[in-house]
């Protein structure tokens, strides 16, 4: 599908004047690819961790982070 869109765009651009092509180029250079959310990045990294390892994470890890990192008493 993406190739179809790209081909349509290229076809439309081919018939433009050089001046119009410059305008299109200026516009395209202002576009940025969509940014991934933190959640998407996190999910990408999690997919490589085996489920049995994820199951080892304590359910109270966020509340007792100091305990698990530094040995502080649990809350």
Protein backbone atom coordinates (compact mmCIF):
# COMPACT_ATOMS: atom_id res chain seq x y z
CA UNK A 1 0.00 0.00 0.00
CA UNK A 2 2.77 2.45 0.90
CA UNK A 3 4.41 1.84 -2.48
CA UNK A 4 1.14 2.77 -4.21
CA UNK A 5 1.03 6.08 -2.35
CA UNK A 6 4.69 6.76 -3.11
CA UNK A 7 4.17 6.00 -6.78
CA UNK A 8 1.15 8.33 -6.90
CA UNK A 9 3.14 11.12 -5.28
CA UNK A 10 6.06 10.65 -7.67
CA UNK A 11 3.67 10.60 -10.64
CA UNK A 12 2.10 13.90 -9.56
CA UNK A 13 5.48 15.52 -8.98
CA UNK A 14 6.89 14.49 -12.35
CA UNK A 15 4.48 16.77 -14.24
CA UNK A 16 5.20 19.84 -12.10
CA UNK A 17 7.44 22.70 -13.20
CA UNK A 18 10.89 23.00 -11.64
CA UNK A 19 9.63 25.89 -9.52
CA UNK A 20 6.73 23.81 -8.22
CA UNK A 21 9.08 20.91 -7.52
CA UNK A 22 11.21 23.27 -5.41
CA UNK A 23 8.10 24.26 -3.45
CA UNK A 24 7.21 20.62 -2.89
CA UNK A 25 10.77 19.90 -1.74
CA UNK A 26 10.68 22.81 0.71
CA UNK A 27 7.40 21.50 2.11
CA UNK A 28 8.57 17.90 2.37
CA UNK A 29 11.74 18.97 4.20
CA UNK A 30 9.56 20.52 6.94
CA UNK A 31 7.84 17.20 7.63
CA UNK A 32 9.08 14.95 10.39
CA UNK A 33 8.43 11.24 10.72
CA UNK A 34 5.91 10.39 13.43
CA UNK A 35 7.47 10.08 16.86
CA UNK A 36 7.01 6.92 18.84
CA UNK A 37 5.50 7.22 22.27
CA UNK A 38 7.40 6.12 25.34
CA UNK A 39 4.92 3.25 25.67
CA UNK A 40 5.70 2.05 22.10
CA UNK A 41 9.44 2.14 22.80
CA UNK A 42 8.89 0.28 26.08
CA UNK A 43 6.80 -2.41 24.35
CA UNK A 44 9.47 -2.86 21.70
CA UNK A 45 12.06 -3.61 24.37
CA UNK A 46 9.74 -5.84 26.37
CA UNK A 47 9.06 -8.17 23.44
CA UNK A 48 12.61 -9.54 23.70
CA UNK A 49 12.25 -10.47 27.38
CA UNK A 50 10.94 -14.00 27.99
CA UNK A 51 7.58 -14.15 29.78
CA UNK A 52 9.06 -16.20 32.63
CA UNK A 53 11.55 -13.38 33.34
CA UNK A 54 8.80 -10.76 33.34
CA UNK A 55 6.88 -12.91 35.83
CA UNK A 56 9.81 -12.54 38.27
CA UNK A 57 9.27 -8.78 38.58
CA UNK A 58 7.70 -8.12 42.00
CA UNK A 59 4.18 -6.74 41.82
CA UNK A 60 5.09 -4.09 44.40
CA UNK A 61 8.26 -3.00 42.61
CA UNK A 62 7.13 0.59 42.04
CA UNK A 63 6.09 1.10 45.67
CA UNK A 64 9.20 -0.59 47.08
CA UNK A 65 11.84 0.41 44.55
CA UNK A 66 14.29 1.45 47.27
CA UNK A 67 13.90 -1.96 48.88
CA UNK A 68 14.68 -3.83 45.67
CA UNK A 69 17.54 -1.53 44.63
CA UNK A 70 19.15 -0.66 47.96
CA UNK A 71 17.72 -3.04 50.56
CA UNK A 72 15.68 -0.39 52.39
CA UNK A 73 12.74 -1.66 54.46
CA UNK A 74 9.57 -2.38 52.48
CA UNK A 75 6.73 0.12 52.75
